[in-house]
Amino acid sequence: MLANRIPVFNKRAKRHLISHPKFYFFDAGVFRTIRPSGPLDSPHEIDGIVLENLIMQHLQAWIAYHSNGNKLYYWRTKACVEVDFIIYGPDTLVAIEVKNTTNIRSNDLKRLMSFRTDYPGASCFFLYRGKEKLMKNGILCMPCDLFLEKLTPENRIELE
């Protein structure tokens, strides 16, 4: 119960993927407290990892509540193209990228677009620290706090 391992999403993979799971502590505060840091570690970088961990905790709780066969994965190619979270189940294929940024750059969306190339039916979300909810290249870009607010037991992950 101290950590979670998120497996690699490899259903009908069209690319060479890595095979090791991603490791998260059960709590973002624990990670922040025990993570070694030094002069080469930027607070912005650490905050990004903590934000990703927080989103993971909420997604796992949402999946556990629904008990509908959905599972949480991540996707990473051998070329280091990574999407933070994939939710896959009987009627769900959702890709979620989390960034600790207040602005959306076109480069931020390339990972999700790459995933959508391989899985055209996927719903794609870009979660960030900004204020605007908007659609860019068919990807719903949404502030993290708004996403978490809408991630309730009554809502499906395809939020509008």
N, C-alpha and C. Protein backbone atom coordinates (compact mmCIF):
# COMPACT_ATOMS: atom_id res chain seq x y z
N MET A 1 0.81 -1.21 0.00
CA MET A 1 0.00 0.00 0.00
C MET A 1 0.85 1.26 0.00
N LEU A 2 2.15 1.14 -0.10
CA LEU A 2 3.01 2.32 -0.11
C LEU A 2 3.25 2.86 -1.50
N ALA A 3 3.02 2.01 -2.50
CA ALA A 3 3.33 2.44 -3.86
C ALA A 3 2.37 1.79 -4.84
N ASN A 4 2.29 2.39 -6.01
CA ASN A 4 1.48 1.86 -7.11
C ASN A 4 2.39 1.66 -8.31
N ARG A 5 2.17 0.59 -8.99
CA ARG A 5 2.88 0.36 -10.26
C ARG A 5 1.85 0.43 -11.37
N ILE A 6 2.12 1.27 -12.33
CA ILE A 6 1.24 1.44 -13.48
C ILE A 6 1.88 0.71 -14.66
N PRO A 7 1.20 -0.30 -15.23
CA PRO A 7 1.80 -1.05 -16.34
C PRO A 7 1.75 -0.27 -17.66
N VAL A 8 2.54 -0.73 -18.59
CA VAL A 8 2.59 -0.14 -19.94
C VAL A 8 1.37 -0.61 -20.72
N PHE A 9 0.73 0.31 -21.42
CA PHE A 9 -0.38 -0.02 -22.29
C PHE A 9 0.21 -0.54 -23.60
N ASN A 10 -0.09 -1.79 -23.94
CA ASN A 10 0.49 -2.37 -25.14
C ASN A 10 -0.52 -3.12 -26.00
N LYS A 11 -1.80 -2.80 -25.85
CA LYS A 11 -2.83 -3.44 -26.65
C LYS A 11 -2.64 -3.06 -28.12
N ARG A 12 -2.50 -4.07 -28.94
CA ARG A 12 -2.34 -3.86 -30.39
C ARG A 12 -1.28 -2.81 -30.71
N ALA A 13 -0.16 -2.88 -30.02
CA ALA A 13 0.91 -1.89 -30.18
C ALA A 13 1.46 -1.89 -31.60
N LYS A 14 1.61 -0.70 -32.15
CA LYS A 14 2.16 -0.53 -33.49
C LYS A 14 3.62 -0.09 -33.45
N ARG A 15 4.11 0.20 -32.25
CA ARG A 15 5.49 0.65 -32.08
C ARG A 15 6.16 -0.23 -31.03
N HIS A 16 7.48 -0.13 -30.98
CA HIS A 16 8.22 -0.81 -29.92
C HIS A 16 8.05 -0.01 -28.64
N LEU A 17 7.55 -0.69 -27.61
CA LEU A 17 7.29 -0.03 -26.33
C LEU A 17 8.25 -0.54 -25.27
N ILE A 18 8.43 0.27 -24.24
CA ILE A 18 9.20 -0.22 -23.10
C ILE A 18 8.32 -1.20 -22.35
N SER A 19 8.92 -1.96 -21.44
CA SER A 19 8.12 -3.00 -20.79
C SER A 19 8.05 -2.88 -19.28
N HIS A 20 8.74 -1.94 -18.68
CA HIS A 20 8.69 -1.88 -17.22
C HIS A 20 7.60 -0.92 -16.74
N PRO A 21 6.98 -1.26 -15.59
CA PRO A 21 5.91 -0.40 -15.07
C PRO A 21 6.46 0.91 -14.50
N LYS A 22 5.57 1.88 -14.37
CA LYS A 22 5.90 3.16 -13.78
C LYS A 22 5.57 3.07 -12.29
N PHE A 23 6.40 3.69 -11.46
CA PHE A 23 6.28 3.59 -10.02
C PHE A 23 5.83 4.93 -9.44
N TYR A 24 4.79 4.89 -8.60
CA TYR A 24 4.30 6.07 -7.91
C TYR A 24 4.13 5.74 -6.43
N PHE A 25 4.50 6.68 -5.57
CA PHE A 25 4.16 6.53 -4.16
C PHE A 25 2.66 6.73 -4.02
N PHE A 26 2.08 6.17 -2.98
CA PHE A 26 0.63 6.25 -2.77
C PHE A 26 0.19 7.68 -2.48
N ASP A 27 1.10 8.54 -2.12
CA ASP A 27 0.74 9.89 -1.71
C ASP A 27 1.78 10.88 -2.24
N ALA A 28 1.31 11.95 -2.84
CA ALA A 28 2.21 12.96 -3.42
C ALA A 28 3.05 13.63 -2.34
N GLY A 29 2.49 13.80 -1.16
CA GLY A 29 3.24 14.42 -0.06
C GLY A 29 4.41 13.56 0.39
N VAL A 30 4.22 12.25 0.43
CA VAL A 30 5.30 11.34 0.78
C VAL A 30 6.42 11.46 -0.24
N PHE A 31 6.07 11.46 -1.52
CA PHE A 31 7.07 11.61 -2.56
C PHE A 31 7.87 12.89 -2.35
N ARG A 32 7.17 14.00 -2.15
CA ARG A 32 7.84 15.29 -2.00
C ARG A 32 8.78 15.29 -0.79
N THR A 33 8.37 14.62 0.28
CA THR A 33 9.15 14.62 1.50
C THR A 33 10.42 13.78 1.40
N ILE A 34 10.32 12.58 0.80
CA ILE A 34 11.48 11.69 0.80
C ILE A 34 12.34 11.79 -0.46
N ARG A 35 11.89 12.54 -1.44
CA ARG A 35 12.67 12.67 -2.67
C ARG A 35 13.97 13.41 -2.40
N PRO A 36 15.11 12.79 -2.74
CA PRO A 36 16.37 13.54 -2.59
C PRO A 36 16.38 14.71 -3.57
N SER A 37 16.92 15.83 -3.14
CA SER A 37 17.02 16.97 -4.04
C SER A 37 18.32 17.69 -3.80
N GLY A 38 18.75 18.38 -4.82
CA GLY A 38 20.01 19.11 -4.76
C GLY A 38 19.97 20.29 -5.70
N PRO A 39 21.13 20.89 -5.94
CA PRO A 39 21.18 22.11 -6.75
C PRO A 39 20.76 21.92 -8.21
N LEU A 40 20.73 20.69 -8.70
CA LEU A 40 20.34 20.45 -10.09
C LEU A 40 18.85 20.16 -10.24
N ASP A 41 18.13 20.08 -9.14
CA ASP A 41 16.70 19.79 -9.17
C ASP A 41 15.91 21.09 -9.06
N SER A 42 15.11 21.36 -10.08
CA SER A 42 14.32 22.59 -10.05
C SER A 42 12.99 22.32 -9.34
N PRO A 43 12.51 23.28 -8.55
CA PRO A 43 11.21 23.12 -7.90
C PRO A 43 10.08 22.88 -8.91
N HIS A 44 10.17 23.51 -10.09
CA HIS A 44 9.16 23.34 -11.14
C HIS A 44 9.09 21.87 -11.58
N GLU A 45 10.24 21.24 -11.73
CA GLU A 45 10.30 19.84 -12.14
C GLU A 45 9.69 18.94 -11.06
N ILE A 46 10.03 19.18 -9.82
CA ILE A 46 9.48 18.39 -8.71
C ILE A 46 7.97 18.59 -8.62
N ASP A 47 7.52 19.84 -8.76
CA ASP A 47 6.08 20.11 -8.73
C ASP A 47 5.34 19.37 -9.84
N GLY A 48 5.97 19.23 -11.00
CA GLY A 48 5.36 18.50 -12.11
C GLY A 48 5.14 17.03 -11.78
N ILE A 49 6.12 16.42 -11.14
CA ILE A 49 6.00 15.01 -10.75
C ILE A 49 4.92 14.85 -9.68
N VAL A 50 4.87 15.80 -8.75
CA VAL A 50 3.85 15.74 -7.70
C VAL A 50 2.46 15.91 -8.30
N LEU A 51 2.31 16.83 -9.26
CA LEU A 51 1.02 17.03 -9.92
C LEU A 51 0.58 15.76 -10.64
N GLU A 52 1.48 15.12 -11.34
CA GLU A 52 1.17 13.87 -12.04
C GLU A 52 0.74 12.80 -11.03
N ASN A 53 1.43 12.73 -9.90
CA ASN A 53 1.09 11.78 -8.86
C ASN A 53 -0.31 12.05 -8.31
N LEU A 54 -0.65 13.30 -8.11
CA LEU A 54 -1.97 13.68 -7.60
C LEU A 54 -3.07 13.24 -8.58
N ILE A 55 -2.86 13.50 -9.86
CA ILE A 55 -3.84 13.09 -10.89
C ILE A 55 -3.98 11.57 -10.88
N MET A 56 -2.85 10.85 -10.77
CA MET A 56 -2.90 9.39 -10.73
C MET A 56 -3.75 8.89 -9.57
N GLN A 57 -3.59 9.50 -8.39
CA GLN A 57 -4.36 9.08 -7.23
C GLN A 57 -5.85 9.24 -7.47
N HIS A 58 -6.24 10.35 -8.06
CA HIS A 58 -7.66 10.59 -8.34
C HIS A 58 -8.19 9.63 -9.41
N LEU A 59 -7.39 9.37 -10.43
CA LEU A 59 -7.83 8.44 -11.47
C LEU A 59 -8.01 7.04 -10.90
N GLN A 60 -7.09 6.61 -10.06
CA GLN A 60 -7.23 5.28 -9.46
C GLN A 60 -8.47 5.19 -8.58
N ALA A 61 -8.74 6.24 -7.83
CA ALA A 61 -9.95 6.24 -6.99
C ALA A 61 -11.20 6.19 -7.85
N TRP A 62 -11.21 6.97 -8.94
CA TRP A 62 -12.35 6.99 -9.85
C TRP A 62 -12.57 5.61 -10.48
N ILE A 63 -11.49 4.97 -10.91
CA ILE A 63 -11.58 3.64 -11.52
C ILE A 63 -12.07 2.62 -10.49
N ALA A 64 -11.55 2.67 -9.28
CA ALA A 64 -11.96 1.73 -8.23
C ALA A 64 -13.43 1.91 -7.88
N TYR A 65 -13.89 3.14 -7.87
CA TYR A 65 -15.29 3.40 -7.53
C TYR A 65 -16.22 2.77 -8.56
N HIS A 66 -15.86 2.88 -9.83
CA HIS A 66 -16.74 2.40 -10.89
C HIS A 66 -16.74 0.89 -11.06
N SER A 67 -15.67 0.21 -10.74
CA SER A 67 -15.58 -1.26 -10.83
C SER A 67 -16.14 -1.79 -12.15
N ASN A 68 -15.83 -1.13 -13.24
CA ASN A 68 -16.39 -1.55 -14.52
C ASN A 68 -15.35 -2.17 -15.46
N GLY A 69 -14.23 -2.58 -14.92
CA GLY A 69 -13.23 -3.23 -15.74
C GLY A 69 -12.18 -2.30 -16.31
N ASN A 70 -12.30 -1.00 -16.07
CA ASN A 70 -11.26 -0.07 -16.53
C ASN A 70 -9.99 -0.28 -15.74
N LYS A 71 -8.87 -0.08 -16.41
CA LYS A 71 -7.57 -0.19 -15.76
C LYS A 71 -6.72 1.02 -16.17
N LEU A 72 -5.77 1.35 -15.31
CA LEU A 72 -4.89 2.49 -15.54
C LEU A 72 -3.54 2.01 -16.05
N TYR A 73 -3.09 2.62 -17.14
CA TYR A 73 -1.81 2.29 -17.77
C TYR A 73 -1.07 3.60 -18.07
N TYR A 74 0.12 3.46 -18.62
CA TYR A 74 0.80 4.57 -19.28
C TYR A 74 1.37 4.03 -20.57
N TRP A 75 1.79 4.91 -21.46
CA TRP A 75 2.27 4.50 -22.77
C TRP A 75 3.62 5.16 -23.02
N ARG A 76 4.62 4.36 -23.35
CA ARG A 76 5.93 4.92 -23.64
C ARG A 76 6.64 4.07 -24.69
N THR A 77 7.04 4.74 -25.75
CA THR A 77 7.74 4.04 -26.83
C THR A 77 9.23 3.96 -26.51
N LYS A 78 9.92 3.11 -27.23
CA LYS A 78 11.38 3.01 -27.08
C LYS A 78 12.05 4.31 -27.49
N ALA A 79 11.37 5.14 -28.29
CA ALA A 79 11.90 6.44 -28.69
C ALA A 79 11.58 7.52 -27.65
N CYS A 80 11.10 7.09 -26.48
CA CYS A 80 10.82 7.98 -25.33
C CYS A 80 9.64 8.93 -25.55
N VAL A 81 8.68 8.54 -26.36
CA VAL A 81 7.43 9.29 -26.48
C VAL A 81 6.50 8.70 -25.44
N GLU A 82 6.07 9.52 -24.48
CA GLU A 82 5.30 9.01 -23.36
C GLU A 82 4.01 9.79 -23.16
N VAL A 83 2.95 9.05 -22.86
CA VAL A 83 1.68 9.63 -22.41
C VAL A 83 1.50 9.16 -20.98
N ASP A 84 1.22 10.11 -20.08
CA ASP A 84 1.22 9.82 -18.64
C ASP A 84 0.22 8.75 -18.23
N PHE A 85 -1.01 8.83 -18.75
CA PHE A 85 -2.04 7.88 -18.30
C PHE A 85 -2.92 7.45 -19.46
N ILE A 86 -3.20 6.15 -19.47
CA ILE A 86 -4.16 5.57 -20.40
C ILE A 86 -5.19 4.85 -19.54
N ILE A 87 -6.45 5.15 -19.76
CA ILE A 87 -7.52 4.42 -19.09
C ILE A 87 -8.15 3.54 -20.16
N TYR A 88 -8.14 2.24 -19.91
CA TYR A 88 -8.62 1.29 -20.89
C TYR A 88 -9.58 0.32 -20.22
N GLY A 89 -10.69 0.09 -20.87
CA GLY A 89 -11.68 -0.85 -20.35
C GLY A 89 -12.64 -1.27 -21.42
N PRO A 90 -13.72 -1.94 -21.05
CA PRO A 90 -14.67 -2.47 -22.03
C PRO A 90 -15.19 -1.43 -23.01
N ASP A 91 -15.42 -0.21 -22.57
CA ASP A 91 -15.93 0.83 -23.48
C ASP A 91 -15.16 2.14 -23.32
N THR A 92 -13.90 2.06 -22.89
CA THR A 92 -13.14 3.26 -22.60
C THR A 92 -11.72 3.16 -23.16
N LEU A 93 -11.29 4.20 -23.85
CA LEU A 93 -9.90 4.38 -24.23
C LEU A 93 -9.61 5.87 -24.15
N VAL A 94 -8.94 6.27 -23.07
CA VAL A 94 -8.67 7.67 -22.80
C VAL A 94 -7.18 7.84 -22.55
N ALA A 95 -6.59 8.85 -23.19
CA ALA A 95 -5.19 9.20 -22.98
C ALA A 95 -5.12 10.56 -22.29
N ILE A 96 -4.29 10.65 -21.25
CA ILE A 96 -4.19 11.89 -20.47
C ILE A 96 -2.72 12.25 -20.29
N GLU A 97 -2.39 13.47 -20.66
CA GLU A 97 -1.05 14.02 -20.44
C GLU A 97 -1.17 15.15 -19.42
N VAL A 98 -0.27 15.17 -18.43
CA VAL A 98 -0.30 16.15 -17.36
C VAL A 98 0.98 16.99 -17.43
N LYS A 99 0.83 18.31 -17.44
CA LYS A 99 2.00 19.20 -17.47
C LYS A 99 1.86 20.30 -16.43
N ASN A 100 2.94 20.58 -15.77
CA ASN A 100 3.00 21.66 -14.79
C ASN A 100 3.36 22.95 -15.51
N THR A 101 2.42 23.45 -16.28
CA THR A 101 2.63 24.67 -17.06
C THR A 101 1.33 25.46 -17.10
N THR A 102 1.44 26.76 -17.27
CA THR A 102 0.24 27.59 -17.39
C THR A 102 -0.09 27.89 -18.84
N ASN A 103 0.80 27.54 -19.75
CA ASN A 103 0.59 27.78 -21.18
C ASN A 103 0.65 26.47 -21.95
N ILE A 104 -0.08 26.42 -23.04
CA ILE A 104 -0.08 25.23 -23.89
C ILE A 104 0.73 25.55 -25.13
N ARG A 105 1.78 24.76 -25.35
CA ARG A 105 2.58 24.89 -26.57
C ARG A 105 2.24 23.72 -27.48
N SER A 106 2.39 23.92 -28.77
CA SER A 106 2.06 22.83 -29.70
C SER A 106 2.90 21.60 -29.42
N ASN A 107 4.13 21.78 -28.96
CA ASN A 107 5.00 20.66 -28.64
C ASN A 107 4.44 19.81 -27.50
N ASP A 108 3.69 20.42 -26.59
CA ASP A 108 3.10 19.70 -25.46
C ASP A 108 2.07 18.66 -25.92
N LEU A 109 1.46 18.89 -27.07
CA LEU A 109 0.39 18.02 -27.54
C LEU A 109 0.88 16.89 -28.45
N LYS A 110 2.16 16.92 -28.84
CA LYS A 110 2.68 15.94 -29.78
C LYS A 110 2.58 14.50 -29.27
N ARG A 111 2.76 14.30 -27.99
CA ARG A 111 2.69 12.94 -27.43
C ARG A 111 1.29 12.37 -27.57
N LEU A 112 0.31 13.19 -27.25
CA LEU A 112 -1.08 12.74 -27.39
C LEU A 112 -1.44 12.51 -28.86
N MET A 113 -0.95 13.37 -29.74
CA MET A 113 -1.22 13.18 -31.17
C MET A 113 -0.57 11.90 -31.68
N SER A 114 0.60 11.58 -31.17
CA SER A 114 1.28 10.35 -31.54
C SER A 114 0.48 9.13 -31.07
N PHE A 115 -0.03 9.19 -29.85
CA PHE A 115 -0.87 8.10 -29.34
C PHE A 115 -2.13 7.97 -30.19
N ARG A 116 -2.74 9.09 -30.51
CA ARG A 116 -3.98 9.06 -31.29
C ARG A 116 -3.74 8.54 -32.70
N THR A 117 -2.54 8.70 -33.23
CA THR A 117 -2.20 8.11 -34.53
C THR A 117 -2.31 6.59 -34.46
N ASP A 118 -1.81 6.02 -33.37
CA ASP A 118 -1.88 4.57 -33.19
C ASP A 118 -3.26 4.09 -32.75
N TYR A 119 -3.98 4.95 -32.02
CA TYR A 119 -5.29 4.60 -31.48
C TYR A 119 -6.29 5.72 -31.80
N PRO A 120 -6.76 5.77 -33.06
CA PRO A 120 -7.60 6.89 -33.50
C PRO A 120 -8.90 7.07 -32.72
N GLY A 121 -9.39 6.04 -32.06
CA GLY A 121 -10.64 6.16 -31.32
C GLY A 121 -10.47 6.71 -29.90
N ALA A 122 -9.25 7.00 -29.51
CA ALA A 122 -9.00 7.45 -28.13
C ALA A 122 -9.47 8.89 -27.91
N SER A 123 -10.01 9.13 -26.72
CA SER A 123 -10.28 10.49 -26.27
C SER A 123 -9.00 10.98 -25.61
N CYS A 124 -8.57 12.19 -25.98
CA CYS A 124 -7.29 12.70 -25.47
C CYS A 124 -7.49 13.97 -24.66
N PHE A 125 -6.82 14.02 -23.50
CA PHE A 125 -6.90 15.17 -22.61
C PHE A 125 -5.50 15.66 -22.29
N PHE A 126 -5.35 16.97 -22.28
CA PHE A 126 -4.12 17.61 -21.83
C PHE A 126 -4.48 18.42 -20.60
N LEU A 127 -3.94 18.03 -19.46
CA LEU A 127 -4.23 18.71 -18.20
C LEU A 127 -3.06 19.61 -17.85
N TYR A 128 -3.36 20.85 -17.49
CA TYR A 128 -2.31 21.82 -17.20
C TYR A 128 -2.75 22.77 -16.10
N ARG A 129 -1.86 23.67 -15.68
CA ARG A 129 -2.12 24.57 -14.56
C ARG A 129 -2.72 25.90 -15.00
N GLY A 130 -3.12 26.00 -16.24
CA GLY A 130 -3.71 27.23 -16.76
C GLY A 130 -5.15 27.42 -16.33
N LYS A 131 -5.82 28.37 -16.94
CA LYS A 131 -7.20 28.72 -16.57
C LYS A 131 -8.22 28.40 -17.65
N GLU A 132 -7.78 28.23 -18.90
CA GLU A 132 -8.71 28.06 -20.02
C GLU A 132 -8.97 26.60 -20.34
N LYS A 133 -10.21 26.31 -20.69
CA LYS A 133 -10.59 25.01 -21.23
C LYS A 133 -10.81 25.22 -22.72
N LEU A 134 -10.05 24.51 -23.55
CA LEU A 134 -10.16 24.69 -24.99
C LEU A 134 -9.79 23.43 -25.74
N MET A 135 -10.15 23.40 -27.00
CA MET A 135 -9.86 22.26 -27.87
C MET A 135 -8.73 22.67 -28.82
N LYS A 136 -7.67 21.87 -28.87
CA LYS A 136 -6.56 22.11 -29.79
C LYS A 136 -6.22 20.81 -30.49
N ASN A 137 -6.26 20.81 -31.79
CA ASN A 137 -5.95 19.63 -32.59
C ASN A 137 -6.76 18.40 -32.16
N GLY A 138 -8.00 18.61 -31.77
CA GLY A 138 -8.86 17.50 -31.35
C GLY A 138 -8.57 17.00 -29.95
N ILE A 139 -7.75 17.72 -29.21
CA ILE A 139 -7.39 17.35 -27.84
C ILE A 139 -8.02 18.36 -26.89
N LEU A 140 -8.75 17.85 -25.90
CA LEU A 140 -9.36 18.74 -24.92
C LEU A 140 -8.30 19.14 -23.90
N CYS A 141 -7.98 20.42 -23.87
CA CYS A 141 -7.01 20.98 -22.93
C CYS A 141 -7.80 21.58 -21.78
N MET A 142 -7.46 21.18 -20.57
CA MET A 142 -8.29 21.50 -19.42
C MET A 142 -7.42 21.77 -18.20
N PRO A 143 -7.76 22.79 -17.43
CA PRO A 143 -7.04 23.01 -16.18
C PRO A 143 -7.18 21.79 -15.26
N CYS A 144 -6.11 21.44 -14.58
CA CYS A 144 -6.13 20.27 -13.68
C CYS A 144 -7.24 20.37 -12.65
N ASP A 145 -7.40 21.56 -12.07
CA ASP A 145 -8.41 21.68 -11.01
C ASP A 145 -9.82 21.47 -11.55
N LEU A 146 -10.09 21.91 -12.77
CA LEU A 146 -11.40 21.69 -13.38
C LEU A 146 -11.61 20.20 -13.68
N PHE A 147 -10.58 19.54 -14.18
CA PHE A 147 -10.67 18.11 -14.46
C PHE A 147 -10.99 17.34 -13.17
N LEU A 148 -10.27 17.65 -12.10
CA LEU A 148 -10.49 16.95 -10.84
C LEU A 148 -11.87 17.24 -10.27
N GLU A 149 -12.33 18.47 -10.46
CA GLU A 149 -13.66 18.85 -10.00
C GLU A 149 -14.74 18.04 -10.72
N LYS A 150 -14.53 17.78 -12.01
CA LYS A 150 -15.52 17.05 -12.81
C LYS A 150 -15.36 15.53 -12.71
N LEU A 151 -14.26 15.06 -12.13
CA LEU A 151 -14.00 13.63 -12.01
C LEU A 151 -14.75 13.09 -10.79
N THR A 152 -16.05 13.00 -10.94
CA THR A 152 -16.91 12.54 -9.85
C THR A 152 -17.46 11.16 -10.19
N PRO A 153 -17.98 10.46 -9.21
CA PRO A 153 -18.54 9.13 -9.49
C PRO A 153 -19.63 9.14 -10.56
N GLU A 154 -20.35 10.26 -10.69
CA GLU A 154 -21.44 10.32 -11.67
C GLU A 154 -20.95 10.53 -13.10
N ASN A 155 -19.75 11.08 -13.28
CA ASN A 155 -19.26 11.43 -14.61
C ASN A 155 -18.40 10.34 -15.22
N ARG A 156 -18.54 10.22 -16.51
CA ARG A 156 -17.62 9.39 -17.28
C ARG A 156 -16.37 10.23 -17.50
N ILE A 157 -15.31 9.60 -17.94
CA ILE A 157 -14.05 10.31 -18.13
C ILE A 157 -14.09 11.21 -19.36
N GLU A 158 -15.01 10.95 -20.30
CA GLU A 158 -15.15 11.81 -21.47
C GLU A 158 -15.90 13.09 -21.08
N LEU A 159 -15.24 13.95 -20.39
CA LEU A 159 -15.85 15.19 -19.90
C LEU A 159 -15.89 16.23 -21.00
N GLU A 160 -16.92 17.03 -21.00
CA GLU A 160 -17.01 18.09 -22.00
C GLU A 160 -16.89 19.43 -21.37
